[in-house]
Amino acid sequence: SVNQKSTALFIGGLLETTTPEMLTNY
């Protein structure tokens, strides 16, 4: 569950071509 301290997310199942900039923009 999301608690007050949670500020990080795990993102899985990305394409191999996904860049950090794409994730930041999204």
mmCIF file of all heavy atoms, coordinates in Angstrom:
data_MODEL
# 
_entry.id   MODEL 
# 
loop_
_atom_site.group_PDB 
_atom_site.id 
_atom_site.type_symbol 
_atom_site.label_atom_id 
_atom_site.label_alt_id 
_atom_site.label_comp_id 
_atom_site.label_asym_id 
_atom_site.label_entity_id 
_atom_site.label_seq_id 
_atom_site.pdbx_PDB_ins_code 
_atom_site.Cartn_x 
_atom_site.Cartn_y 
_atom_site.Cartn_z 
_atom_site.occupancy 
_atom_site.B_iso_or_equiv 
_atom_site.pdbx_formal_charge 
_atom_site.auth_seq_id 
_atom_site.auth_comp_id 
_atom_site.auth_asym_id 
_atom_site.auth_atom_id 
_atom_site.pdbx_PDB_model_num 
ATOM 1   N N   . SER A 1 1  ? 0.826  -1.192 0.000   1.00 0.00 ? 1  SER A N   1 
ATOM 2   C CA  . SER A 1 1  ? 0.000  0.000  0.000   1.00 0.00 ? 1  SER A CA  1 
ATOM 3   C C   . SER A 1 1  ? 0.870  1.255  0.000   1.00 0.00 ? 1  SER A C   1 
ATOM 4   O O   . SER A 1 1  ? 2.007  1.243  0.440   1.00 0.00 ? 1  SER A O   1 
ATOM 5   C CB  . SER A 1 1  ? -0.917 0.007  1.221   1.00 0.00 ? 1  SER A CB  1 
ATOM 6   O OG  . SER A 1 1  ? -0.141 0.093  2.389   1.00 0.00 ? 1  SER A OG  1 
ATOM 7   N N   . VAL A 1 2  ? 0.283  2.337  -0.480  1.00 0.00 ? 2  VAL A N   1 
ATOM 8   C CA  . VAL A 1 2  ? 1.005  3.599  -0.539  1.00 0.00 ? 2  VAL A CA  1 
ATOM 9   C C   . VAL A 1 2  ? 0.985  4.218  0.856   1.00 0.00 ? 2  VAL A C   1 
ATOM 10  O O   . VAL A 1 2  ? -0.060 4.390  1.457   1.00 0.00 ? 2  VAL A O   1 
ATOM 11  C CB  . VAL A 1 2  ? 0.350  4.557  -1.565  1.00 0.00 ? 2  VAL A CB  1 
ATOM 12  C CG1 . VAL A 1 2  ? 1.054  5.884  -1.573  1.00 0.00 ? 2  VAL A CG1 1 
ATOM 13  C CG2 . VAL A 1 2  ? 0.342  3.932  -2.928  1.00 0.00 ? 2  VAL A CG2 1 
ATOM 14  N N   . ASN A 1 3  ? 2.143  4.518  1.393   1.00 0.00 ? 3  ASN A N   1 
ATOM 15  C CA  . ASN A 1 3  ? 2.206  5.187  2.686   1.00 0.00 ? 3  ASN A CA  1 
ATOM 16  C C   . ASN A 1 3  ? 2.801  6.571  2.511   1.00 0.00 ? 3  ASN A C   1 
ATOM 17  O O   . ASN A 1 3  ? 3.189  6.968  1.427   1.00 0.00 ? 3  ASN A O   1 
ATOM 18  C CB  . ASN A 1 3  ? 2.994  4.345  3.708   1.00 0.00 ? 3  ASN A CB  1 
ATOM 19  C CG  . ASN A 1 3  ? 4.422  4.093  3.271   1.00 0.00 ? 3  ASN A CG  1 
ATOM 20  O OD1 . ASN A 1 3  ? 5.069  4.950  2.676   1.00 0.00 ? 3  ASN A OD1 1 
ATOM 21  N ND2 . ASN A 1 3  ? 4.929  2.914  3.548   1.00 0.00 ? 3  ASN A ND2 1 
ATOM 22  N N   . GLN A 1 4  ? 2.911  7.334  3.597   1.00 0.00 ? 4  GLN A N   1 
ATOM 23  C CA  . GLN A 1 4  ? 3.393  8.701  3.524   1.00 0.00 ? 4  GLN A CA  1 
ATOM 24  C C   . GLN A 1 4  ? 4.815  8.804  3.003   1.00 0.00 ? 4  GLN A C   1 
ATOM 25  O O   . GLN A 1 4  ? 5.183  9.810  2.429   1.00 0.00 ? 4  GLN A O   1 
ATOM 26  C CB  . GLN A 1 4  ? 3.299  9.345  4.908   1.00 0.00 ? 4  GLN A CB  1 
ATOM 27  C CG  . GLN A 1 4  ? 1.880  9.599  5.359   1.00 0.00 ? 4  GLN A CG  1 
ATOM 28  C CD  . GLN A 1 4  ? 1.176  10.597 4.491   1.00 0.00 ? 4  GLN A CD  1 
ATOM 29  O OE1 . GLN A 1 4  ? 0.670  10.271 3.428   1.00 0.00 ? 4  GLN A OE1 1 
ATOM 30  N NE2 . GLN A 1 4  ? 1.138  11.834 4.910   1.00 0.00 ? 4  GLN A NE2 1 
ATOM 31  N N   . LYS A 1 5  ? 5.650  7.812  3.208   1.00 0.00 ? 5  LYS A N   1 
ATOM 32  C CA  . LYS A 1 5  ? 7.055  7.894  2.835   1.00 0.00 ? 5  LYS A CA  1 
ATOM 33  C C   . LYS A 1 5  ? 7.346  7.410  1.420   1.00 0.00 ? 5  LYS A C   1 
ATOM 34  O O   . LYS A 1 5  ? 8.435  7.585  0.938   1.00 0.00 ? 5  LYS A O   1 
ATOM 35  C CB  . LYS A 1 5  ? 7.901  7.092  3.829   1.00 0.00 ? 5  LYS A CB  1 
ATOM 36  C CG  . LYS A 1 5  ? 7.833  7.629  5.237   1.00 0.00 ? 5  LYS A CG  1 
ATOM 37  C CD  . LYS A 1 5  ? 8.655  6.779  6.162   1.00 0.00 ? 5  LYS A CD  1 
ATOM 38  C CE  . LYS A 1 5  ? 8.491  7.245  7.596   1.00 0.00 ? 5  LYS A CE  1 
ATOM 39  N NZ  . LYS A 1 5  ? 9.230  6.420  8.527   1.00 0.00 ? 5  LYS A NZ  1 
ATOM 40  N N   . SER A 1 6  ? 6.382  6.779  0.778   1.00 0.00 ? 6  SER A N   1 
ATOM 41  C CA  . SER A 1 6  ? 6.623  6.186  -0.538  1.00 0.00 ? 6  SER A CA  1 
ATOM 42  C C   . SER A 1 6  ? 6.764  7.263  -1.599  1.00 0.00 ? 6  SER A C   1 
ATOM 43  O O   . SER A 1 6  ? 5.820  7.982  -1.897  1.00 0.00 ? 6  SER A O   1 
ATOM 44  C CB  . SER A 1 6  ? 5.479  5.247  -0.922  1.00 0.00 ? 6  SER A CB  1 
ATOM 45  O OG  . SER A 1 6  ? 5.378  4.214  0.000   1.00 0.00 ? 6  SER A OG  1 
ATOM 46  N N   . THR A 1 7  ? 7.957  7.372  -2.154  1.00 0.00 ? 7  THR A N   1 
ATOM 47  C CA  . THR A 1 7  ? 8.177  8.328  -3.240  1.00 0.00 ? 7  THR A CA  1 
ATOM 48  C C   . THR A 1 7  ? 8.834  7.660  -4.441  1.00 0.00 ? 7  THR A C   1 
ATOM 49  O O   . THR A 1 7  ? 9.195  8.341  -5.392  1.00 0.00 ? 7  THR A O   1 
ATOM 50  C CB  . THR A 1 7  ? 9.066  9.504  -2.776  1.00 0.00 ? 7  THR A CB  1 
ATOM 51  O OG1 . THR A 1 7  ? 10.299 8.983  -2.301  1.00 0.00 ? 7  THR A OG1 1 
ATOM 52  C CG2 . THR A 1 7  ? 8.384  10.325 -1.700  1.00 0.00 ? 7  THR A CG2 1 
ATOM 53  N N   . ALA A 1 8  ? 8.991  6.337  -4.409  1.00 0.00 ? 8  ALA A N   1 
ATOM 54  C CA  . ALA A 1 8  ? 9.634  5.631  -5.522  1.00 0.00 ? 8  ALA A CA  1 
ATOM 55  C C   . ALA A 1 8  ? 8.686  4.589  -6.088  1.00 0.00 ? 8  ALA A C   1 
ATOM 56  O O   . ALA A 1 8  ? 7.948  3.937  -5.357  1.00 0.00 ? 8  ALA A O   1 
ATOM 57  C CB  . ALA A 1 8  ? 10.921 4.964  -5.051  1.00 0.00 ? 8  ALA A CB  1 
ATOM 58  N N   . LEU A 1 9  ? 8.729  4.448  -7.403  1.00 0.00 ? 9  LEU A N   1 
ATOM 59  C CA  . LEU A 1 9  ? 7.892  3.482  -8.111  1.00 0.00 ? 9  LEU A CA  1 
ATOM 60  C C   . LEU A 1 9  ? 8.763  2.527  -8.911  1.00 0.00 ? 9  LEU A C   1 
ATOM 61  O O   . LEU A 1 9  ? 9.777  2.929  -9.482  1.00 0.00 ? 9  LEU A O   1 
ATOM 62  C CB  . LEU A 1 9  ? 6.953  4.202  -9.079  1.00 0.00 ? 9  LEU A CB  1 
ATOM 63  C CG  . LEU A 1 9  ? 5.900  5.090  -8.454  1.00 0.00 ? 9  LEU A CG  1 
ATOM 64  C CD1 . LEU A 1 9  ? 5.262  5.958  -9.521  1.00 0.00 ? 9  LEU A CD1 1 
ATOM 65  C CD2 . LEU A 1 9  ? 4.850  4.250  -7.759  1.00 0.00 ? 9  LEU A CD2 1 
ATOM 66  N N   . PHE A 1 10 ? 8.339  1.277  -8.971  1.00 0.00 ? 10 PHE A N   1 
ATOM 67  C CA  . PHE A 1 10 ? 8.971  0.292  -9.842  1.00 0.00 ? 10 PHE A CA  1 
ATOM 68  C C   . PHE A 1 10 ? 8.122  0.210  -11.099 1.00 0.00 ? 10 PHE A C   1 
ATOM 69  O O   . PHE A 1 10 ? 6.898  0.027  -11.024 1.00 0.00 ? 10 PHE A O   1 
ATOM 70  C CB  . PHE A 1 10 ? 9.031  -1.079 -9.167  1.00 0.00 ? 10 PHE A CB  1 
ATOM 71  C CG  . PHE A 1 10 ? 9.520  -2.151 -10.099 1.00 0.00 ? 10 PHE A CG  1 
ATOM 72  C CD1 . PHE A 1 10 ? 10.869 -2.328 -10.323 1.00 0.00 ? 10 PHE A CD1 1 
ATOM 73  C CD2 . PHE A 1 10 ? 8.618  -2.959 -10.778 1.00 0.00 ? 10 PHE A CD2 1 
ATOM 74  C CE1 . PHE A 1 10 ? 11.322 -3.298 -11.193 1.00 0.00 ? 10 PHE A CE1 1 
ATOM 75  C CE2 . PHE A 1 10 ? 9.057  -3.940 -11.648 1.00 0.00 ? 10 PHE A CE2 1 
ATOM 76  C CZ  . PHE A 1 10 ? 10.413 -4.105 -11.850 1.00 0.00 ? 10 PHE A CZ  1 
ATOM 77  N N   . ILE A 1 11 ? 8.747  0.343  -12.243 1.00 0.00 ? 11 ILE A N   1 
ATOM 78  C CA  . ILE A 1 11 ? 8.066  0.261  -13.530 1.00 0.00 ? 11 ILE A CA  1 
ATOM 79  C C   . ILE A 1 11 ? 8.616  -0.957 -14.256 1.00 0.00 ? 11 ILE A C   1 
ATOM 80  O O   . ILE A 1 11 ? 9.821  -1.041 -14.497 1.00 0.00 ? 11 ILE A O   1 
ATOM 81  C CB  . ILE A 1 11 ? 8.293  1.521  -14.393 1.00 0.00 ? 11 ILE A CB  1 
ATOM 82  C CG1 . ILE A 1 11 ? 8.148  2.804  -13.566 1.00 0.00 ? 11 ILE A CG1 1 
ATOM 83  C CG2 . ILE A 1 11 ? 7.393  1.500  -15.614 1.00 0.00 ? 11 ILE A CG2 1 
ATOM 84  C CD1 . ILE A 1 11 ? 6.808  3.011  -12.925 1.00 0.00 ? 11 ILE A CD1 1 
ATOM 85  N N   . GLY A 1 12 ? 7.778  -1.913 -14.600 1.00 0.00 ? 12 GLY A N   1 
ATOM 86  C CA  . GLY A 1 12 ? 8.219  -3.130 -15.273 1.00 0.00 ? 12 GLY A CA  1 
ATOM 87  C C   . GLY A 1 12 ? 7.500  -3.334 -16.594 1.00 0.00 ? 12 GLY A C   1 
ATOM 88  O O   . GLY A 1 12 ? 6.455  -2.757 -16.853 1.00 0.00 ? 12 GLY A O   1 
ATOM 89  N N   . GLY A 1 13 ? 8.080  -4.172 -17.427 1.00 0.00 ? 13 GLY A N   1 
ATOM 90  C CA  . GLY A 1 13 ? 7.475  -4.504 -18.718 1.00 0.00 ? 13 GLY A CA  1 
ATOM 91  C C   . GLY A 1 13 ? 7.678  -3.441 -19.776 1.00 0.00 ? 13 GLY A C   1 
ATOM 92  O O   . GLY A 1 13 ? 6.896  -3.342 -20.727 1.00 0.00 ? 13 GLY A O   1 
ATOM 93  N N   . LEU A 1 14 ? 8.734  -2.658 -19.634 1.00 0.00 ? 14 LEU A N   1 
ATOM 94  C CA  . LEU A 1 14 ? 9.034  -1.622 -20.624 1.00 0.00 ? 14 LEU A CA  1 
ATOM 95  C C   . LEU A 1 14 ? 9.575  -2.246 -21.903 1.00 0.00 ? 14 LEU A C   1 
ATOM 96  O O   . LEU A 1 14 ? 10.073 -3.368 -21.888 1.00 0.00 ? 14 LEU A O   1 
ATOM 97  C CB  . LEU A 1 14 ? 10.078 -0.654 -20.062 1.00 0.00 ? 14 LEU A CB  1 
ATOM 98  C CG  . LEU A 1 14 ? 9.698  0.114  -18.804 1.00 0.00 ? 14 LEU A CG  1 
ATOM 99  C CD1 . LEU A 1 14 ? 10.919 0.812  -18.227 1.00 0.00 ? 14 LEU A CD1 1 
ATOM 100 C CD2 . LEU A 1 14 ? 8.603  1.109  -19.112 1.00 0.00 ? 14 LEU A CD2 1 
ATOM 101 N N   . LEU A 1 15 ? 9.515  -1.506 -22.977 1.00 0.00 ? 15 LEU A N   1 
ATOM 102 C CA  . LEU A 1 15 ? 10.182 -1.924 -24.202 1.00 0.00 ? 15 LEU A CA  1 
ATOM 103 C C   . LEU A 1 15 ? 11.673 -1.645 -24.056 1.00 0.00 ? 15 LEU A C   1 
ATOM 104 O O   . LEU A 1 15 ? 12.084 -0.756 -23.292 1.00 0.00 ? 15 LEU A O   1 
ATOM 105 C CB  . LEU A 1 15 ? 9.626  -1.158 -25.401 1.00 0.00 ? 15 LEU A CB  1 
ATOM 106 C CG  . LEU A 1 15 ? 8.177  -1.454 -25.774 1.00 0.00 ? 15 LEU A CG  1 
ATOM 107 C CD1 . LEU A 1 15 ? 7.724  -0.540 -26.905 1.00 0.00 ? 15 LEU A CD1 1 
ATOM 108 C CD2 . LEU A 1 15 ? 7.999  -2.903 -26.158 1.00 0.00 ? 15 LEU A CD2 1 
ATOM 109 N N   . GLU A 1 16 ? 12.489 -2.346 -24.795 1.00 0.00 ? 16 GLU A N   1 
ATOM 110 C CA  . GLU A 1 16 ? 13.940 -2.158 -24.727 1.00 0.00 ? 16 GLU A CA  1 
ATOM 111 C C   . GLU A 1 16 ? 14.349 -0.769 -25.224 1.00 0.00 ? 16 GLU A C   1 
ATOM 112 O O   . GLU A 1 16 ? 15.398 -0.262 -24.858 1.00 0.00 ? 16 GLU A O   1 
ATOM 113 C CB  . GLU A 1 16 ? 14.648 -3.242 -25.540 1.00 0.00 ? 16 GLU A CB  1 
ATOM 114 C CG  . GLU A 1 16 ? 16.098 -3.398 -25.179 1.00 0.00 ? 16 GLU A CG  1 
ATOM 115 C CD  . GLU A 1 16 ? 16.739 -4.618 -25.820 1.00 0.00 ? 16 GLU A CD  1 
ATOM 116 O OE1 . GLU A 1 16 ? 16.216 -5.721 -25.652 1.00 0.00 ? 16 GLU A OE1 1 
ATOM 117 O OE2 . GLU A 1 16 ? 17.774 -4.427 -26.477 1.00 0.00 ? 16 GLU A OE2 1 
ATOM 118 N N   . THR A 1 17 ? 13.491 -0.150 -26.010 1.00 0.00 ? 17 THR A N   1 
ATOM 119 C CA  . THR A 1 17 ? 13.797 1.164  -26.574 1.00 0.00 ? 17 THR A CA  1 
ATOM 120 C C   . THR A 1 17 ? 13.388 2.323  -25.670 1.00 0.00 ? 17 THR A C   1 
ATOM 121 O O   . THR A 1 17 ? 13.671 3.476  -25.987 1.00 0.00 ? 17 THR A O   1 
ATOM 122 C CB  . THR A 1 17 ? 13.097 1.332  -27.932 1.00 0.00 ? 17 THR A CB  1 
ATOM 123 O OG1 . THR A 1 17 ? 11.682 1.136  -27.746 1.00 0.00 ? 17 THR A OG1 1 
ATOM 124 C CG2 . THR A 1 17 ? 13.629 0.343  -28.953 1.00 0.00 ? 17 THR A CG2 1 
ATOM 125 N N   . THR A 1 18 ? 12.738 2.048  -24.550 1.00 0.00 ? 18 THR A N   1 
ATOM 126 C CA  . THR A 1 18 ? 12.287 3.102  -23.650 1.00 0.00 ? 18 THR A CA  1 
ATOM 127 C C   . THR A 1 18 ? 13.487 3.802  -23.015 1.00 0.00 ? 18 THR A C   1 
ATOM 128 O O   . THR A 1 18 ? 14.414 3.152  -22.549 1.00 0.00 ? 18 THR A O   1 
ATOM 129 C CB  . THR A 1 18 ? 11.379 2.529  -22.549 1.00 0.00 ? 18 THR A CB  1 
ATOM 130 O OG1 . THR A 1 18 ? 10.287 1.837  -23.160 1.00 0.00 ? 18 THR A OG1 1 
ATOM 131 C CG2 . THR A 1 18 ? 10.835 3.626  -21.658 1.00 0.00 ? 18 THR A CG2 1 
ATOM 132 N N   . THR A 1 19 ? 13.449 5.131  -22.995 1.00 0.00 ? 19 THR A N   1 
ATOM 133 C CA  . THR A 1 19 ? 14.542 5.928  -22.425 1.00 0.00 ? 19 THR A CA  1 
ATOM 134 C C   . THR A 1 19 ? 14.078 6.592  -21.126 1.00 0.00 ? 19 THR A C   1 
ATOM 135 O O   . THR A 1 19 ? 12.870 6.746  -20.900 1.00 0.00 ? 19 THR A O   1 
ATOM 136 C CB  . THR A 1 19 ? 14.983 7.029  -23.405 1.00 0.00 ? 19 THR A CB  1 
ATOM 137 O OG1 . THR A 1 19 ? 13.896 7.950  -23.578 1.00 0.00 ? 19 THR A OG1 1 
ATOM 138 C CG2 . THR A 1 19 ? 15.415 6.457  -24.742 1.00 0.00 ? 19 THR A CG2 1 
ATOM 139 N N   . PRO A 1 20 ? 15.035 7.012  -20.288 1.00 0.00 ? 20 PRO A N   1 
ATOM 140 C CA  . PRO A 1 20 ? 14.662 7.752  -19.076 1.00 0.00 ? 20 PRO A CA  1 
ATOM 141 C C   . PRO A 1 20 ? 13.863 9.029  -19.382 1.00 0.00 ? 20 PRO A C   1 
ATOM 142 O O   . PRO A 1 20 ? 12.961 9.389  -18.633 1.00 0.00 ? 20 PRO A O   1 
ATOM 143 C CB  . PRO A 1 20 ? 16.010 8.091  -18.438 1.00 0.00 ? 20 PRO A CB  1 
ATOM 144 C CG  . PRO A 1 20 ? 16.937 7.024  -18.922 1.00 0.00 ? 20 PRO A CG  1 
ATOM 145 C CD  . PRO A 1 20 ? 16.476 6.726  -20.317 1.00 0.00 ? 20 PRO A CD  1 
ATOM 146 N N   . GLU A 1 21 ? 14.180 9.684  -20.484 1.00 0.00 ? 21 GLU A N   1 
ATOM 147 C CA  . GLU A 1 21 ? 13.455 10.898 -20.863 1.00 0.00 ? 21 GLU A CA  1 
ATOM 148 C C   . GLU A 1 21 ? 11.990 10.597 -21.155 1.00 0.00 ? 21 GLU A C   1 
ATOM 149 O O   . GLU A 1 21 ? 11.103 11.374 -20.802 1.00 0.00 ? 21 GLU A O   1 
ATOM 150 C CB  . GLU A 1 21 ? 14.114 11.555 -22.089 1.00 0.00 ? 21 GLU A CB  1 
ATOM 151 C CG  . GLU A 1 21 ? 15.496 12.115 -21.831 1.00 0.00 ? 21 GLU A CG  1 
ATOM 152 C CD  . GLU A 1 21 ? 16.603 11.055 -21.808 1.00 0.00 ? 21 GLU A CD  1 
ATOM 153 O OE1 . GLU A 1 21 ? 16.427 9.930  -22.345 1.00 0.00 ? 21 GLU A OE1 1 
ATOM 154 O OE2 . GLU A 1 21 ? 17.659 11.344 -21.230 1.00 0.00 ? 21 GLU A OE2 1 
ATOM 155 N N   . MET A 1 22 ? 11.719 9.473  -21.813 1.00 0.00 ? 22 MET A N   1 
ATOM 156 C CA  . MET A 1 22 ? 10.336 9.080  -22.098 1.00 0.00 ? 22 MET A CA  1 
ATOM 157 C C   . MET A 1 22 ? 9.561  8.864  -20.805 1.00 0.00 ? 22 MET A C   1 
ATOM 158 O O   . MET A 1 22 ? 8.412  9.283  -20.672 1.00 0.00 ? 22 MET A O   1 
ATOM 159 C CB  . MET A 1 22 ? 10.297 7.797  -22.934 1.00 0.00 ? 22 MET A CB  1 
ATOM 160 C CG  . MET A 1 22 ? 10.748 7.936  -24.336 1.00 0.00 ? 22 MET A CG  1 
ATOM 161 S SD  . MET A 1 22 ? 10.731 6.295  -25.107 1.00 0.00 ? 22 MET A SD  1 
ATOM 162 C CE  . MET A 1 22 ? 11.446 6.658  -26.684 1.00 0.00 ? 22 MET A CE  1 
ATOM 163 N N   . LEU A 1 23 ? 10.208 8.194  -19.840 1.00 0.00 ? 23 LEU A N   1 
ATOM 164 C CA  . LEU A 1 23 ? 9.555  7.939  -18.555 1.00 0.00 ? 23 LEU A CA  1 
ATOM 165 C C   . LEU A 1 23 ? 9.320  9.234  -17.788 1.00 0.00 ? 23 LEU A C   1 
ATOM 166 O O   . LEU A 1 23 ? 8.243  9.440  -17.210 1.00 0.00 ? 23 LEU A O   1 
ATOM 167 C CB  . LEU A 1 23 ? 10.390 6.962  -17.725 1.00 0.00 ? 23 LEU A CB  1 
ATOM 168 C CG  . LEU A 1 23 ? 10.505 5.551  -18.303 1.00 0.00 ? 23 LEU A CG  1 
ATOM 169 C CD1 . LEU A 1 23 ? 11.519 4.735  -17.523 1.00 0.00 ? 23 LEU A CD1 1 
ATOM 170 C CD2 . LEU A 1 23 ? 9.154  4.858  -18.299 1.00 0.00 ? 23 LEU A CD2 1 
ATOM 171 N N   . THR A 1 24 ? 10.301 10.120 -17.802 1.00 0.00 ? 24 THR A N   1 
ATOM 172 C CA  . THR A 1 24 ? 10.149 11.413 -17.126 1.00 0.00 ? 24 THR A CA  1 
ATOM 173 C C   . THR A 1 24 ? 9.001  12.196 -17.738 1.00 0.00 ? 24 THR A C   1 
ATOM 174 O O   . THR A 1 24 ? 8.153  12.743 -17.016 1.00 0.00 ? 24 THR A O   1 
ATOM 175 C CB  . THR A 1 24 ? 11.454 12.233 -17.205 1.00 0.00 ? 24 THR A CB  1 
ATOM 176 O OG1 . THR A 1 24 ? 12.499 11.480 -16.580 1.00 0.00 ? 24 THR A OG1 1 
ATOM 177 C CG2 . THR A 1 24 ? 11.308 13.573 -16.515 1.00 0.00 ? 24 THR A CG2 1 
ATOM 178 N N   . ASN A 1 25 ? 8.953  12.246 -19.067 1.00 0.00 ? 25 ASN A N   1 
ATOM 179 C CA  . ASN A 1 25 ? 7.875  12.971 -19.752 1.00 0.00 ? 25 ASN A CA  1 
ATOM 180 C C   . ASN A 1 25 ? 6.510  12.383 -19.425 1.00 0.00 ? 25 ASN A C   1 
ATOM 181 O O   . ASN A 1 25 ? 5.555  13.120 -19.181 1.00 0.00 ? 25 ASN A O   1 
ATOM 182 C CB  . ASN A 1 25 ? 8.092  12.975 -21.264 1.00 0.00 ? 25 ASN A CB  1 
ATOM 183 C CG  . ASN A 1 25 ? 9.256  13.839 -21.679 1.00 0.00 ? 25 ASN A CG  1 
ATOM 184 O OD1 . ASN A 1 25 ? 9.676  14.732 -20.955 1.00 0.00 ? 25 ASN A OD1 1 
ATOM 185 N ND2 . ASN A 1 25 ? 9.808  13.566 -22.846 1.00 0.00 ? 25 ASN A ND2 1 
ATOM 186 N N   . TYR A 1 26 ? 6.406  11.061 -19.405 1.00 0.00 ? 26 TYR A N   1 
ATOM 187 C CA  . TYR A 1 26 ? 5.118  10.424 -19.142 1.00 0.00 ? 26 TYR A CA  1 
ATOM 188 C C   . TYR A 1 26 ? 4.656  10.676 -17.704 1.00 0.00 ? 26 TYR A C   1 
ATOM 189 O O   . TYR A 1 26 ? 3.528  11.109 -17.469 1.00 0.00 ? 26 TYR A O   1 
ATOM 190 C CB  . TYR A 1 26 ? 5.184  8.915  -19.417 1.00 0.00 ? 26 TYR A CB  1 
ATOM 191 C CG  . TYR A 1 26 ? 3.881  8.225  -19.082 1.00 0.00 ? 26 TYR A CG  1 
ATOM 192 C CD1 . TYR A 1 26 ? 2.808  8.287  -19.961 1.00 0.00 ? 26 TYR A CD1 1 
ATOM 193 C CD2 . TYR A 1 26 ? 3.715  7.562  -17.876 1.00 0.00 ? 26 TYR A CD2 1 
ATOM 194 C CE1 . TYR A 1 26 ? 1.603  7.698  -19.645 1.00 0.00 ? 26 TYR A CE1 1 
ATOM 195 C CE2 . TYR A 1 26 ? 2.515  6.963  -17.547 1.00 0.00 ? 26 TYR A CE2 1 
ATOM 196 C CZ  . TYR A 1 26 ? 1.454  7.032  -18.438 1.00 0.00 ? 26 TYR A CZ  1 
ATOM 197 O OH  . TYR A 1 26 ? 0.253  6.452  -18.115 1.00 0.00 ? 26 TYR A OH  1 
# 
